[in-house]
């Protein structure tokens, strides 16, 4: 069975300006929905402490960040905050 080539799109139907505008609109939205209302924070841990965090996250079958967020949320709840 022969494999057919992918047909060429009719690029003349869309002007170059419209294509550029659509591409820019799409790119400008990328990644924004997932981070609405969240502020990035950097933590630095010693390698042995990070290994302990990873072990705890693995024990609970959670990614590292999910485990850290859960533990912080539980600590804040215990503090009444």
Protein backbone atom coordinates (compact mmCIF):
# COMPACT_ATOMS: atom_id res chain seq x y z
CA UNK A 1 0.00 0.00 0.00
CA UNK A 2 1.43 3.35 -1.01
CA UNK A 3 1.57 6.19 1.49
CA UNK A 4 0.07 9.39 0.15
CA UNK A 5 1.68 12.73 0.79
CA UNK A 6 -0.11 15.16 3.05
CA UNK A 7 -2.04 17.61 0.86
CA UNK A 8 -0.84 21.20 0.85
CA UNK A 9 -3.07 23.78 2.52
CA UNK A 10 -4.31 26.68 0.52
CA UNK A 11 -2.28 29.40 2.20
CA UNK A 12 -3.58 32.01 -0.22
CA UNK A 13 -7.02 31.83 1.45
CA UNK A 14 -5.64 33.39 4.65
CA UNK A 15 -3.56 36.54 4.51
CA UNK A 16 -0.20 36.54 6.22
CA UNK A 17 -1.35 39.26 8.63
CA UNK A 18 -4.35 37.22 9.79
CA UNK A 19 -2.17 34.17 10.36
CA UNK A 20 0.32 36.19 12.39
CA UNK A 21 -2.43 37.75 14.51
CA UNK A 22 -4.00 34.36 15.22
CA UNK A 23 -0.63 32.88 16.15
CA UNK A 24 0.19 35.78 18.50
CA UNK A 25 -3.21 35.51 20.19
CA UNK A 26 -2.73 31.78 20.71
CA UNK A 27 0.80 32.17 22.09
CA UNK A 28 -0.18 35.00 24.43
CA UNK A 29 -2.72 32.75 26.15
CA UNK A 30 -0.35 29.81 26.62
CA UNK A 31 0.19 28.81 30.23
CA UNK A 32 -1.81 31.65 31.75
CA UNK A 33 -4.89 29.64 32.71
CA UNK A 34 -2.98 27.23 34.96
CA UNK A 35 -1.27 30.00 36.91
CA UNK A 36 -4.15 32.39 37.55
CA UNK A 37 -3.92 33.66 41.12
CA UNK A 38 -0.70 31.78 41.89
CA UNK A 39 2.64 33.36 42.80
CA UNK A 40 5.82 31.41 42.12
CA UNK A 41 7.99 30.85 45.21
CA UNK A 42 11.54 29.53 45.36
CA UNK A 43 12.67 27.25 48.18
CA UNK A 44 16.22 26.00 48.64
CA UNK A 45 16.74 22.68 50.42
CA UNK A 46 19.85 20.73 51.25
CA UNK A 47 20.08 17.57 49.12
CA UNK A 48 19.49 15.21 52.07
CA UNK A 49 16.39 17.15 53.15
CA UNK A 50 15.06 17.15 49.59
CA UNK A 51 15.60 13.40 49.44
CA UNK A 52 13.45 13.04 52.57
CA UNK A 53 10.73 15.19 50.99
CA UNK A 54 10.85 13.06 47.84
CA UNK A 55 10.61 9.88 49.91
CA UNK A 56 7.55 11.20 51.75
CA UNK A 57 5.91 12.30 48.50
CA UNK A 58 6.58 8.89 46.97
CA UNK A 59 5.14 7.15 50.05
CA UNK A 60 1.91 9.12 49.58
CA UNK A 61 2.04 8.60 45.79
CA UNK A 62 2.11 12.35 45.15
CA UNK A 63 4.39 14.56 43.10
CA UNK A 64 6.81 16.56 45.22
CA UNK A 65 4.98 19.88 44.77
CA UNK A 66 1.59 18.37 45.60
CA UNK A 67 2.99 16.82 48.77
CA UNK A 68 4.64 20.10 49.85
CA UNK A 69 1.41 22.03 49.22
CA UNK A 70 -0.59 19.45 51.18
CA UNK A 71 1.75 19.53 54.18
CA UNK A 72 1.80 23.34 54.22
CA UNK A 73 -2.00 23.48 53.97
CA UNK A 74 -2.34 21.00 56.84
CA UNK A 75 0.12 23.01 58.99
CA UNK A 76 -1.76 26.24 58.30
CA UNK A 77 -5.07 24.57 59.13
CA UNK A 78 -3.61 23.28 62.41
CA UNK A 79 -2.50 26.83 63.23
CA UNK A 80 -6.02 28.10 62.52
CA UNK A 81 -4.87 30.16 59.54
